[in-house]
Structure formats: structure tokens, C-alpha cells
Amino acid sequence: MTRRRAPRPAANAFRTALERAAPKTPLAALQAAWAEAVGEQIAAVSSPVSERGGEVLVTCTDSVWAQELDLMQEQLLQRLGDRLGERAPRSLRFRVRDARN
């Protein structure tokens, strides 16, 4: 009689898959965490588009949002730091999206 083995837990396979799929750059990690860190309303009107030396450029739908988010920068950086740890940006710069894009 052949004995069947008990099924192995899938947790290790999931953990390995998540590690392989994890963003490889600070910008990619930020883009993946943006909506959850800043909230759906802010994410709907803004997008991180580039990173250089710890500063992230975030484009916004209009100048009112760019100004508002600039005023909220410390709060946003705190939320991003909580979510991303040492991969979090040091500063954010906000710019209105080019209407041609």
C-alpha cells in the first residue's frame, strides 16, 4: 500500500513569489505603495513619476492639487515612511501634469 504525503503549506511558495515580484527600484516601490499610503482621493489626482537622490517628482491634475499636496508634504512623507521604511523618499516635488500627455 502506498502512503500519500500530506500537502505542503503554500506559504513558502507565496513568500518566494512575492519576493521575486517585489519592486526593484525605489520609484517602483513608491508607485506600488502610493494609493494605499496617500489614500484613494489623492492617488486619483497624483502620480509619482521620477526619483533622483531621494527626491520624488509627483505630477498632479491641476495647480490647486499641486499646491495642496506641497502643503501636506510632511504628512505624506510620514505615511510613505511608515509604509516603505528606508526606501521612502526624503522629499516630494509637485508639478502639474503636461496637458499634452
N, C-alpha and C. Protein backbone atom coordinates (compact mmCIF):
# COMPACT_ATOMS: atom_id res chain seq x y z
N MET A 1 0.83 -1.16 0.00
CA MET A 1 0.00 0.00 0.00
C MET A 1 0.90 1.25 0.00
N THR A 2 0.54 2.20 -0.87
CA THR A 2 1.30 3.44 -0.99
C THR A 2 0.69 4.50 -0.09
N ARG A 3 1.55 5.13 0.68
CA ARG A 3 1.06 6.19 1.57
C ARG A 3 1.17 7.52 0.86
N ARG A 4 0.16 8.29 0.99
CA ARG A 4 0.19 9.64 0.42
C ARG A 4 0.81 10.60 1.42
N ARG A 5 1.56 11.52 0.87
CA ARG A 5 2.13 12.54 1.73
C ARG A 5 1.10 13.63 2.01
N ALA A 6 1.25 14.22 3.14
CA ALA A 6 0.38 15.35 3.48
C ALA A 6 0.77 16.54 2.59
N PRO A 7 -0.20 17.35 2.18
CA PRO A 7 0.13 18.51 1.36
C PRO A 7 1.03 19.48 2.12
N ARG A 8 1.93 20.11 1.38
CA ARG A 8 2.83 21.09 1.99
C ARG A 8 2.14 22.44 2.05
N PRO A 9 2.43 23.22 3.07
CA PRO A 9 1.84 24.55 3.15
C PRO A 9 2.29 25.41 1.96
N ALA A 10 1.39 26.20 1.47
CA ALA A 10 1.69 27.06 0.32
C ALA A 10 2.38 28.36 0.73
N ALA A 11 2.49 28.62 2.02
CA ALA A 11 3.04 29.90 2.49
C ALA A 11 4.43 30.16 1.95
N ASN A 12 5.29 29.13 1.93
CA ASN A 12 6.65 29.34 1.42
C ASN A 12 6.66 29.69 -0.06
N ALA A 13 5.82 29.03 -0.82
CA ALA A 13 5.74 29.32 -2.26
C ALA A 13 5.24 30.74 -2.49
N PHE A 14 4.23 31.17 -1.73
CA PHE A 14 3.72 32.53 -1.86
C PHE A 14 4.77 33.56 -1.47
N ARG A 15 5.47 33.32 -0.38
CA ARG A 15 6.51 34.24 0.08
C ARG A 15 7.60 34.39 -0.98
N THR A 16 8.03 33.28 -1.57
CA THR A 16 9.06 33.33 -2.61
C THR A 16 8.57 34.09 -3.83
N ALA A 17 7.32 33.85 -4.23
CA ALA A 17 6.76 34.56 -5.39
C ALA A 17 6.67 36.06 -5.12
N LEU A 18 6.26 36.45 -3.93
CA LEU A 18 6.17 37.87 -3.58
C LEU A 18 7.53 38.53 -3.57
N GLU A 19 8.54 37.84 -3.06
CA GLU A 19 9.89 38.40 -3.04
C GLU A 19 10.41 38.61 -4.46
N ARG A 20 10.12 37.68 -5.34
CA ARG A 20 10.58 37.81 -6.73
C ARG A 20 9.83 38.92 -7.46
N ALA A 21 8.57 39.15 -7.10
CA ALA A 21 7.76 40.16 -7.77
C ALA A 21 7.90 41.55 -7.15
N ALA A 22 8.61 41.66 -6.05
CA ALA A 22 8.74 42.94 -5.35
C ALA A 22 9.43 43.96 -6.26
N PRO A 23 9.01 45.21 -6.18
CA PRO A 23 9.63 46.26 -6.98
C PRO A 23 11.13 46.34 -6.71
N LYS A 24 11.91 46.56 -7.76
CA LYS A 24 13.36 46.54 -7.64
C LYS A 24 13.97 47.93 -7.47
N THR A 25 13.23 49.00 -7.72
CA THR A 25 13.77 50.35 -7.58
C THR A 25 12.94 51.12 -6.54
N PRO A 26 13.53 52.17 -5.97
CA PRO A 26 12.75 52.98 -5.02
C PRO A 26 11.49 53.56 -5.66
N LEU A 27 11.57 54.00 -6.92
CA LEU A 27 10.40 54.57 -7.59
C LEU A 27 9.32 53.51 -7.77
N ALA A 28 9.70 52.31 -8.19
CA ALA A 28 8.71 51.24 -8.38
C ALA A 28 8.05 50.87 -7.05
N ALA A 29 8.82 50.84 -5.98
CA ALA A 29 8.25 50.54 -4.66
C ALA A 29 7.27 51.64 -4.26
N LEU A 30 7.64 52.89 -4.51
CA LEU A 30 6.77 54.01 -4.18
C LEU A 30 5.49 53.97 -5.01
N GLN A 31 5.61 53.72 -6.29
CA GLN A 31 4.43 53.65 -7.16
C GLN A 31 3.50 52.54 -6.71
N ALA A 32 4.05 51.41 -6.28
CA ALA A 32 3.22 50.28 -5.83
C ALA A 32 2.49 50.61 -4.53
N ALA A 33 3.10 51.43 -3.67
CA ALA A 33 2.51 51.74 -2.36
C ALA A 33 1.74 53.06 -2.34
N TRP A 34 1.80 53.84 -3.41
CA TRP A 34 1.27 55.21 -3.42
C TRP A 34 -0.20 55.29 -2.97
N ALA A 35 -1.09 54.59 -3.65
CA ALA A 35 -2.53 54.71 -3.35
C ALA A 35 -2.85 54.32 -1.92
N GLU A 36 -2.25 53.26 -1.45
CA GLU A 36 -2.53 52.82 -0.08
C GLU A 36 -1.95 53.80 0.95
N ALA A 37 -0.79 54.36 0.65
CA ALA A 37 -0.14 55.26 1.60
C ALA A 37 -0.80 56.64 1.66
N VAL A 38 -1.20 57.17 0.51
CA VAL A 38 -1.74 58.54 0.49
C VAL A 38 -3.26 58.59 0.45
N GLY A 39 -3.90 57.48 0.16
CA GLY A 39 -5.35 57.43 0.08
C GLY A 39 -5.84 57.54 -1.36
N GLU A 40 -7.02 57.00 -1.59
CA GLU A 40 -7.57 56.93 -2.95
C GLU A 40 -7.83 58.31 -3.57
N GLN A 41 -8.31 59.25 -2.78
CA GLN A 41 -8.62 60.58 -3.33
C GLN A 41 -7.36 61.26 -3.85
N ILE A 42 -6.29 61.23 -3.08
CA ILE A 42 -5.04 61.85 -3.52
C ILE A 42 -4.44 61.06 -4.68
N ALA A 43 -4.48 59.74 -4.60
CA ALA A 43 -3.93 58.91 -5.67
C ALA A 43 -4.65 59.13 -7.00
N ALA A 44 -5.94 59.49 -6.93
CA ALA A 44 -6.71 59.73 -8.16
C ALA A 44 -6.26 60.99 -8.90
N VAL A 45 -5.59 61.90 -8.20
CA VAL A 45 -5.19 63.17 -8.82
C VAL A 45 -3.68 63.36 -8.87
N SER A 46 -2.92 62.34 -8.48
CA SER A 46 -1.46 62.48 -8.45
C SER A 46 -0.77 61.16 -8.73
N SER A 47 0.46 61.26 -9.26
CA SER A 47 1.24 60.07 -9.56
C SER A 47 2.72 60.37 -9.41
N PRO A 48 3.47 59.52 -8.68
CA PRO A 48 4.92 59.67 -8.64
C PRO A 48 5.49 59.22 -9.99
N VAL A 49 6.32 60.07 -10.61
CA VAL A 49 6.79 59.75 -11.96
C VAL A 49 8.30 59.61 -12.09
N SER A 50 9.06 60.20 -11.17
CA SER A 50 10.52 60.04 -11.24
C SER A 50 11.12 60.22 -9.85
N GLU A 51 12.34 59.68 -9.71
CA GLU A 51 13.04 59.77 -8.44
C GLU A 51 14.51 60.03 -8.72
N ARG A 52 15.09 60.92 -7.95
CA ARG A 52 16.51 61.19 -8.10
C ARG A 52 17.05 61.64 -6.74
N GLY A 53 18.00 60.90 -6.24
CA GLY A 53 18.65 61.25 -4.99
C GLY A 53 17.71 61.40 -3.82
N GLY A 54 16.67 60.59 -3.76
CA GLY A 54 15.73 60.65 -2.66
C GLY A 54 14.59 61.65 -2.82
N GLU A 55 14.62 62.44 -3.91
CA GLU A 55 13.53 63.37 -4.18
C GLU A 55 12.64 62.79 -5.28
N VAL A 56 11.35 62.79 -5.04
CA VAL A 56 10.40 62.23 -5.99
C VAL A 56 9.57 63.34 -6.61
N LEU A 57 9.45 63.29 -7.93
CA LEU A 57 8.57 64.21 -8.66
C LEU A 57 7.21 63.55 -8.76
N VAL A 58 6.19 64.29 -8.30
CA VAL A 58 4.81 63.81 -8.35
C VAL A 58 4.03 64.75 -9.25
N THR A 59 3.39 64.19 -10.28
CA THR A 59 2.56 65.04 -11.14
C THR A 59 1.13 65.03 -10.60
N CYS A 60 0.48 66.19 -10.77
CA CYS A 60 -0.88 66.39 -10.27
C CYS A 60 -1.79 66.86 -11.40
N THR A 61 -3.07 66.66 -11.24
CA THR A 61 -4.03 67.02 -12.29
C THR A 61 -4.14 68.53 -12.49
N ASP A 62 -3.93 69.31 -11.44
CA ASP A 62 -4.01 70.77 -11.59
C ASP A 62 -3.18 71.46 -10.51
N SER A 63 -3.05 72.77 -10.63
CA SER A 63 -2.20 73.54 -9.72
C SER A 63 -2.75 73.58 -8.30
N VAL A 64 -4.05 73.52 -8.14
CA VAL A 64 -4.63 73.52 -6.80
C VAL A 64 -4.17 72.28 -6.03
N TRP A 65 -4.24 71.12 -6.68
CA TRP A 65 -3.78 69.89 -6.04
C TRP A 65 -2.28 69.93 -5.80
N ALA A 66 -1.51 70.43 -6.74
CA ALA A 66 -0.06 70.50 -6.55
C ALA A 66 0.27 71.34 -5.32
N GLN A 67 -0.40 72.46 -5.16
CA GLN A 67 -0.16 73.33 -4.01
C GLN A 67 -0.62 72.66 -2.71
N GLU A 68 -1.80 72.07 -2.73
CA GLU A 68 -2.33 71.40 -1.54
C GLU A 68 -1.41 70.27 -1.08
N LEU A 69 -0.95 69.46 -2.03
CA LEU A 69 -0.07 68.34 -1.67
C LEU A 69 1.29 68.84 -1.19
N ASP A 70 1.76 69.95 -1.74
CA ASP A 70 3.00 70.53 -1.25
C ASP A 70 2.85 70.93 0.22
N LEU A 71 1.71 71.48 0.58
CA LEU A 71 1.45 71.86 1.97
C LEU A 71 1.34 70.62 2.88
N MET A 72 0.93 69.49 2.31
CA MET A 72 0.78 68.24 3.05
C MET A 72 2.03 67.37 3.01
N GLN A 73 3.12 67.89 2.46
CA GLN A 73 4.30 67.07 2.20
C GLN A 73 4.79 66.30 3.43
N GLU A 74 4.91 66.94 4.56
CA GLU A 74 5.41 66.25 5.76
C GLU A 74 4.52 65.07 6.15
N GLN A 75 3.22 65.28 6.09
CA GLN A 75 2.26 64.21 6.41
C GLN A 75 2.39 63.06 5.40
N LEU A 76 2.51 63.40 4.12
CA LEU A 76 2.65 62.37 3.10
C LEU A 76 3.96 61.60 3.27
N LEU A 77 5.05 62.32 3.57
CA LEU A 77 6.34 61.65 3.79
C LEU A 77 6.27 60.71 4.98
N GLN A 78 5.56 61.10 6.02
CA GLN A 78 5.40 60.24 7.19
C GLN A 78 4.66 58.95 6.82
N ARG A 79 3.57 59.08 6.08
CA ARG A 79 2.80 57.90 5.65
C ARG A 79 3.65 56.99 4.77
N LEU A 80 4.41 57.60 3.85
CA LEU A 80 5.26 56.81 2.96
C LEU A 80 6.38 56.13 3.75
N GLY A 81 6.92 56.84 4.73
CA GLY A 81 7.95 56.25 5.58
C GLY A 81 7.43 55.06 6.37
N ASP A 82 6.21 55.19 6.88
CA ASP A 82 5.59 54.08 7.61
C ASP A 82 5.42 52.86 6.72
N ARG A 83 5.11 53.09 5.46
CA ARG A 83 4.83 52.01 4.52
C ARG A 83 6.12 51.44 3.91
N LEU A 84 7.08 52.31 3.57
CA LEU A 84 8.25 51.88 2.80
C LEU A 84 9.55 51.78 3.59
N GLY A 85 9.56 52.30 4.81
CA GLY A 85 10.79 52.24 5.60
C GLY A 85 11.91 53.03 4.94
N GLU A 86 13.08 52.42 4.86
CA GLU A 86 14.24 53.14 4.31
C GLU A 86 14.15 53.37 2.80
N ARG A 87 13.19 52.77 2.13
CA ARG A 87 13.00 53.01 0.69
C ARG A 87 12.12 54.24 0.43
N ALA A 88 11.64 54.88 1.49
CA ALA A 88 10.77 56.05 1.35
C ALA A 88 11.59 57.25 0.86
N PRO A 89 10.94 58.13 0.10
CA PRO A 89 11.65 59.33 -0.37
C PRO A 89 11.95 60.29 0.78
N ARG A 90 12.96 61.14 0.56
CA ARG A 90 13.30 62.17 1.55
C ARG A 90 12.49 63.44 1.32
N SER A 91 12.11 63.68 0.06
CA SER A 91 11.31 64.86 -0.24
C SER A 91 10.45 64.60 -1.47
N LEU A 92 9.41 65.42 -1.61
CA LEU A 92 8.49 65.32 -2.74
C LEU A 92 8.43 66.68 -3.43
N ARG A 93 8.36 66.66 -4.72
CA ARG A 93 8.18 67.88 -5.51
C ARG A 93 6.95 67.67 -6.37
N PHE A 94 6.06 68.65 -6.39
CA PHE A 94 4.79 68.50 -7.10
C PHE A 94 4.75 69.42 -8.31
N ARG A 95 4.25 68.89 -9.41
CA ARG A 95 4.16 69.63 -10.66
C ARG A 95 2.86 69.25 -11.35
N VAL A 96 2.31 70.23 -12.06
CA VAL A 96 1.08 69.98 -12.82
C VAL A 96 1.43 69.13 -14.03
N ARG A 97 0.59 68.11 -14.31
CA ARG A 97 0.80 67.27 -15.49
C ARG A 97 0.73 68.09 -16.75
N ASP A 98 1.55 67.74 -17.69
CA ASP A 98 1.51 68.37 -19.01
C ASP A 98 0.21 67.96 -19.68
N ALA A 99 -0.56 68.93 -20.13
CA ALA A 99 -1.88 68.66 -20.76
C ALA A 99 -1.76 67.81 -22.01
N ARG A 100 -0.60 67.80 -22.64
CA ARG A 100 -0.42 67.02 -23.87
C ARG A 100 -0.29 65.52 -23.60
N ASN A 101 -0.04 65.14 -22.34
CA ASN A 101 0.15 63.71 -22.01
C ASN A 101 -1.13 63.07 -21.60
